[in-house]
Amino acid sequence: MTIRRRTISIGAAMALSAVGLAAVGLAGCATSNQSPSQSPSQSPTQSLSPTAAKPAALSGTITVFAASSLKETFTKLGAAFEAANPGTKILFSFAASSGLATQITSGAPADVFAAASTTTMTTVVSAGLASSPVTFAKNTMEIAVPPTNPAGIAALADLSQSGVKVALCQVAVPCGSTAAKVFKAAKLTVSAVTLEPDVKSVLGKVELGEVDAGVVYVTDVLAAGSKVLGITIPSSVNATTAYPIAALSGSTNPALAQAFLAYVTSADGQAVLTAAGFAGP
């Protein structure tokens, strides 16, 4: 009886030892599937992949050369972009597109160019200073007159009447060349008393009452508010200009330049432009 009880005890011990070894083996397998920094409660899929690192935050400053007619919208877009990207600064230089293109091809430092015509953008691209421009908006012409409309301007044809003082952009400037297309389509000859370097200068002449009328963009009339009165040009003779934007090859901060370009063409950027009266690309 004693021998039998001892045999049973030895068998039980061997069985317990086998169970213990199996448990150790399973634990070893589980441990081998975990990364050194992973706690036992984490699954392998919870660890971050080295390739999933967050992109570096944008920082620094860029200079954007932009057409005068973009002053209100780009100032607003720049402020919104800076607020969304702390540590960034967007500086602007607003002027006639043709003049900005000349500055860029002459070596003026800039990071982004937004023009009011494809012709002026082509000047910069042909010089090898930009590539792959993207059209982000379009604009059309409108007549602006002082709020009291002293000359009684009611239609486009009134601009050709003797004694009516009209301000236009210089023909080399997009607002001037686009206005010339309008007059050609309407078969009108309009003599300007002043040819201004950009559209904001034309608008300023109207606001000050120095002229009876000026031909500007619809966005400029909207931005001026009560300072001017807008006279619509019939769509049958009106003309449109496209606005392309491109990052410049000489940019010292290409990442920030591309990010701002992407913001202008994004849904948020387009919403600001649309609210200002620009048409979609």
Protein backbone atom coordinates (compact mmCIF):
# COMPACT_ATOMS: atom_id res chain seq x y z
CA MET A 1 0.00 0.00 0.00
CA THR A 2 2.81 2.38 0.81
CA ILE A 3 4.58 1.65 -2.46
CA ARG A 4 1.38 2.26 -4.45
CA ARG A 5 0.77 5.63 -2.76
CA ARG A 6 4.38 6.69 -3.51
CA THR A 7 4.02 5.67 -7.16
CA ILE A 8 0.89 7.77 -7.49
CA SER A 9 2.67 10.78 -5.91
CA ILE A 10 5.59 10.52 -8.32
CA GLY A 11 3.18 10.34 -11.31
CA ALA A 12 1.27 13.36 -10.11
CA ALA A 13 4.49 15.32 -9.69
CA MET A 14 5.58 14.45 -13.21
CA ALA A 15 2.22 15.59 -14.59
CA LEU A 16 2.42 18.90 -12.74
CA SER A 17 5.96 19.41 -14.00
CA ALA A 18 4.80 18.87 -17.60
CA VAL A 19 1.99 21.41 -17.18
CA GLY A 20 4.44 23.93 -15.75
CA LEU A 21 6.85 23.50 -18.65
CA ALA A 22 4.01 23.97 -21.14
CA ALA A 23 2.95 27.17 -19.42
CA VAL A 24 6.51 28.50 -19.54
CA GLY A 25 6.68 27.65 -23.24
CA LEU A 26 3.46 29.53 -23.97
CA ALA A 27 4.62 32.54 -22.00
CA GLY A 28 7.88 32.54 -23.95
CA CYS A 29 5.99 32.54 -27.24
CA ALA A 30 3.80 35.45 -26.13
CA THR A 31 6.86 37.43 -25.00
CA SER A 32 8.67 36.85 -28.30
CA ASN A 33 5.75 38.52 -30.18
CA GLN A 34 6.03 41.78 -28.19
CA SER A 35 8.42 44.66 -28.88
CA PRO A 36 10.88 45.45 -26.05
CA SER A 37 8.94 48.63 -25.16
CA GLN A 38 5.52 46.97 -25.29
CA SER A 39 3.69 46.05 -22.10
CA PRO A 40 2.01 42.63 -21.83
CA SER A 41 -1.41 44.30 -22.12
CA GLN A 42 -0.61 45.77 -25.58
CA SER A 43 -1.13 43.92 -28.82
CA PRO A 44 1.53 44.07 -31.57
CA THR A 45 -0.75 46.25 -33.74
CA GLN A 46 -0.75 49.00 -31.11
CA SER A 47 2.91 49.89 -31.72
CA LEU A 48 3.63 52.84 -34.09
CA SER A 49 5.36 52.19 -37.36
CA PRO A 50 8.52 54.27 -37.95
CA THR A 51 7.10 55.32 -41.35
CA ALA A 52 3.95 56.76 -39.73
CA ALA A 53 5.78 59.72 -38.17
CA LYS A 54 3.93 63.05 -38.19
CA PRO A 55 5.17 65.50 -40.86
CA ALA A 56 7.37 68.32 -39.62
CA ALA A 57 5.45 71.48 -38.70
CA LEU A 58 5.65 74.41 -41.12
CA SER A 59 7.69 77.40 -40.04
CA GLY A 60 9.40 80.49 -41.38
CA THR A 61 8.43 83.28 -43.75
CA ILE A 62 7.55 83.55 -47.43
CA THR A 63 6.87 86.50 -49.72
CA VAL A 64 3.89 86.31 -52.06
CA PHE A 65 3.74 88.55 -55.14
CA ALA A 66 0.06 88.98 -56.03
CA ALA A 67 -2.09 91.01 -58.40
CA SER A 68 -3.63 94.18 -56.92
CA SER A 69 -7.15 92.78 -57.30
CA LEU A 70 -6.24 90.02 -54.82
CA LYS A 71 -5.35 92.37 -51.99
CA GLU A 72 -8.47 91.88 -49.86
CA THR A 73 -8.80 88.13 -50.36
CA PHE A 74 -5.12 87.23 -50.03
CA THR A 75 -4.73 89.38 -46.91
CA LYS A 76 -7.60 87.41 -45.39
CA LEU A 77 -6.20 84.08 -46.58
CA GLY A 78 -2.76 84.92 -45.24
CA ALA A 79 -4.12 85.71 -41.77
CA ALA A 80 -6.14 82.48 -41.70
CA PHE A 81 -3.15 80.43 -42.84
CA GLU A 82 -0.90 81.93 -40.15
CA ALA A 83 -3.52 81.23 -37.48
CA ALA A 84 -3.70 77.59 -38.56
CA ASN A 85 0.10 77.27 -38.73
CA PRO A 86 1.73 79.03 -35.74
CA GLY A 87 5.30 80.01 -36.45
CA THR A 88 4.66 80.99 -40.08
CA LYS A 89 4.52 84.44 -41.66
CA ILE A 90 3.11 85.36 -45.08
CA LEU A 91 4.32 88.67 -46.49
CA PHE A 92 2.59 90.21 -49.51
CA SER A 93 3.57 92.54 -52.32
CA PHE A 94 0.53 93.69 -54.32
CA ALA A 95 0.89 95.41 -57.69
CA ALA A 96 0.03 95.03 -61.36
CA SER A 97 0.76 91.48 -62.51
CA SER A 98 2.93 92.67 -65.39
CA GLY A 99 5.07 94.75 -63.05
CA LEU A 100 5.44 91.87 -60.60
CA ALA A 101 6.50 89.55 -63.41
CA THR A 102 9.17 92.05 -64.43
CA GLN A 103 10.42 92.23 -60.85
CA ILE A 104 10.63 88.44 -60.59
CA THR A 105 12.50 88.04 -63.88
CA SER A 106 14.84 90.83 -62.75
CA GLY A 107 15.79 88.87 -59.65
CA ALA A 108 13.45 90.18 -56.96
CA PRO A 109 13.24 87.60 -54.12
CA ALA A 110 9.83 85.98 -53.84
CA ASP A 111 8.36 82.57 -53.07
CA VAL A 112 4.90 82.55 -54.71
CA PHE A 113 3.43 84.43 -57.68
CA ALA A 114 -0.33 84.90 -58.16
CA ALA A 115 -1.13 86.73 -61.40
CA ALA A 116 -4.28 88.19 -62.89
CA SER A 117 -3.59 86.73 -66.32
CA THR A 118 -1.99 83.69 -67.88
CA THR A 119 0.15 85.95 -70.08
CA THR A 120 2.05 87.44 -67.15
CA MET A 121 2.48 84.01 -65.56
CA THR A 122 3.87 82.68 -68.85
CA THR A 123 6.56 85.38 -68.70
CA VAL A 124 7.80 83.94 -65.40
CA VAL A 125 7.45 80.29 -66.44
CA SER A 126 9.29 80.90 -69.75
CA ALA A 127 12.17 82.40 -67.77
CA GLY A 128 12.47 79.12 -65.86
CA LEU A 129 11.48 80.74 -62.57
CA ALA A 130 8.25 78.77 -62.01
CA SER A 131 6.53 75.65 -63.30
CA SER A 132 3.12 73.99 -63.32
CA PRO A 133 0.96 77.05 -62.49
CA VAL A 134 -2.58 76.34 -61.33
CA THR A 135 -5.60 78.49 -62.20
CA PHE A 136 -7.46 79.20 -58.94
CA ALA A 137 -10.01 81.89 -59.92
CA LYS A 138 -11.51 84.01 -62.69
CA ASN A 139 -12.71 87.60 -62.80
CA THR A 140 -14.81 89.78 -65.10
CA MET A 141 -15.09 93.50 -65.74
CA GLU A 142 -17.53 96.06 -64.37
CA ILE A 143 -17.99 99.83 -64.59
CA ALA A 144 -17.42 101.75 -61.37
CA VAL A 145 -18.83 105.26 -60.91
CA PRO A 146 -18.99 107.64 -57.92
CA PRO A 147 -21.99 106.96 -55.62
CA THR A 148 -23.85 110.01 -56.96
CA ASN A 149 -23.05 109.08 -60.59
CA PRO A 150 -22.71 112.73 -61.70
CA ALA A 151 -22.29 111.86 -65.39
CA GLY A 152 -25.41 109.70 -65.39
CA ILE A 153 -23.61 106.58 -66.65
CA ALA A 154 -26.17 103.85 -67.30
CA ALA A 155 -24.54 101.59 -69.89
CA LEU A 156 -21.19 100.70 -71.42
CA ALA A 157 -21.88 102.86 -74.49
CA ASP A 158 -22.02 105.96 -72.26
CA LEU A 159 -18.26 105.69 -71.72
CA SER A 160 -17.66 106.67 -75.36
CA GLN A 161 -19.64 109.91 -75.09
CA SER A 162 -17.82 113.20 -75.43
CA GLY A 163 -17.02 114.87 -72.13
CA VAL A 164 -17.20 111.70 -70.03
CA LYS A 165 -14.01 111.31 -68.02
CA VAL A 166 -12.95 107.63 -67.90
CA ALA A 167 -10.07 105.99 -66.05
CA LEU A 168 -8.59 102.75 -67.39
CA CYS A 169 -5.64 100.54 -66.60
CA GLN A 170 -2.64 100.68 -68.90
CA VAL A 171 -3.08 98.22 -71.74
CA ALA A 172 -0.03 96.19 -70.63
CA VAL A 173 -1.76 95.49 -67.31
CA PRO A 174 -4.32 92.63 -67.18
CA CYS A 175 -7.20 94.94 -66.21
CA GLY A 176 -6.30 97.18 -69.16
CA SER A 177 -5.99 94.41 -71.74
CA THR A 178 -9.23 92.80 -70.51
CA ALA A 179 -11.08 96.13 -70.74
CA ALA A 180 -9.78 96.51 -74.30
CA LYS A 181 -11.39 93.17 -75.15
CA VAL A 182 -14.69 94.47 -73.80
CA PHE A 183 -14.57 97.62 -75.97
CA LYS A 184 -13.61 95.58 -79.02
CA ALA A 185 -16.51 93.17 -78.50
CA ALA A 186 -18.90 96.11 -78.04
CA LYS A 187 -17.38 97.96 -81.03
CA LEU A 188 -16.75 101.05 -78.93
CA THR A 189 -13.94 103.58 -78.88
CA VAL A 190 -13.28 104.86 -75.38
CA SER A 191 -10.74 107.60 -74.74
CA ALA A 192 -9.37 107.56 -71.21
CA VAL A 193 -8.32 110.75 -69.44
CA THR A 194 -5.90 108.68 -67.35
CA LEU A 195 -4.21 105.30 -67.73
CA GLU A 196 -3.35 103.85 -64.35
CA PRO A 197 -0.66 101.29 -63.40
CA ASP A 198 -3.11 98.90 -61.69
CA VAL A 199 -6.80 98.34 -61.00
CA LYS A 200 -6.72 99.78 -57.47
CA SER A 201 -5.42 103.05 -58.87
CA VAL A 202 -8.36 103.20 -61.28
CA LEU A 203 -10.75 102.49 -58.43
CA GLY A 204 -9.11 105.23 -56.36
CA LYS A 205 -9.72 107.81 -59.10
CA VAL A 206 -13.41 106.89 -59.05
CA GLU A 207 -13.67 106.96 -55.26
CA LEU A 208 -12.13 110.44 -55.15
CA GLY A 209 -14.50 111.70 -57.84
CA GLU A 210 -11.64 112.61 -60.15
CA VAL A 211 -13.29 110.73 -63.02
CA ASP A 212 -16.84 109.93 -64.05
CA ALA A 213 -16.21 106.23 -64.46
CA GLY A 214 -13.58 103.52 -64.40
CA VAL A 215 -13.49 99.98 -65.76
CA VAL A 216 -12.39 97.57 -63.02
CA TYR A 217 -13.10 94.01 -61.89
CA VAL A 218 -16.41 93.00 -60.32
CA THR A 219 -14.45 92.05 -57.18
CA ASP A 220 -13.10 95.60 -56.86
CA VAL A 221 -16.59 97.11 -56.98
CA LEU A 222 -17.73 94.66 -54.31
CA ALA A 223 -14.70 95.37 -52.11
CA ALA A 224 -15.24 99.14 -52.36
CA GLY A 225 -18.71 98.87 -50.88
CA SER A 226 -20.56 102.19 -50.70
CA LYS A 227 -17.57 104.13 -52.03
CA VAL A 228 -18.58 103.39 -55.63
CA LEU A 229 -21.61 102.31 -57.63
CA GLY A 230 -21.32 99.36 -60.02
CA ILE A 231 -22.75 99.33 -63.54
CA THR A 232 -23.00 95.81 -64.99
CA ILE A 233 -21.46 95.07 -68.38
CA PRO A 234 -23.61 92.69 -70.49
CA SER A 235 -22.20 89.17 -70.60
CA SER A 236 -22.45 89.20 -74.41
CA VAL A 237 -19.54 91.66 -74.58
CA ASN A 238 -17.87 91.21 -71.20
CA ALA A 239 -14.44 89.61 -70.88
CA THR A 240 -12.91 87.27 -68.33
CA THR A 241 -9.37 86.87 -67.05
CA ALA A 242 -7.91 83.81 -65.34
CA TYR A 243 -5.76 83.90 -62.19
CA PRO A 244 -2.87 81.39 -62.07
CA ILE A 245 -0.65 80.76 -59.05
CA ALA A 246 2.73 79.03 -58.80
CA ALA A 247 5.54 78.50 -56.32
CA LEU A 248 8.76 80.09 -57.56
CA SER A 249 11.82 77.93 -58.14
CA GLY A 250 14.02 80.36 -56.20
CA SER A 251 11.97 80.08 -53.01
CA THR A 252 14.02 79.79 -49.84
CA ASN A 253 11.13 78.00 -48.11
CA PRO A 254 9.59 75.70 -50.75
CA ALA A 255 7.61 73.65 -48.22
CA LEU A 256 5.82 76.73 -46.90
CA ALA A 257 5.33 78.09 -50.43
CA GLN A 258 3.66 74.88 -51.57
CA ALA A 259 1.52 74.76 -48.42
CA PHE A 260 0.18 78.27 -49.00
CA LEU A 261 -0.51 77.48 -52.66
CA ALA A 262 -2.43 74.39 -51.57
CA TYR A 263 -4.44 76.49 -49.11
CA VAL A 264 -5.44 79.00 -51.80
CA THR A 265 -6.73 76.19 -54.02
CA SER A 266 -8.41 74.30 -51.16
CA ALA A 267 -12.13 74.39 -50.40
CA ASP A 268 -11.52 76.93 -47.61
CA GLY A 269 -9.50 79.18 -49.89
CA GLN A 270 -12.06 78.94 -52.67
CA ALA A 271 -14.84 79.89 -50.25
CA VAL A 272 -13.06 83.17 -49.43
CA LEU A 273 -12.54 83.93 -53.12
CA THR A 274 -16.14 83.14 -54.01
CA ALA A 275 -17.44 85.40 -51.24
CA ALA A 276 -15.32 88.21 -52.72
CA GLY A 277 -16.97 87.82 -56.13
CA PHE A 278 -14.40 85.69 -57.92
CA ALA A 279 -15.64 82.92 -60.19
CA GLY A 280 -14.29 79.41 -59.84
CA PRO A 281 -11.46 78.21 -62.05
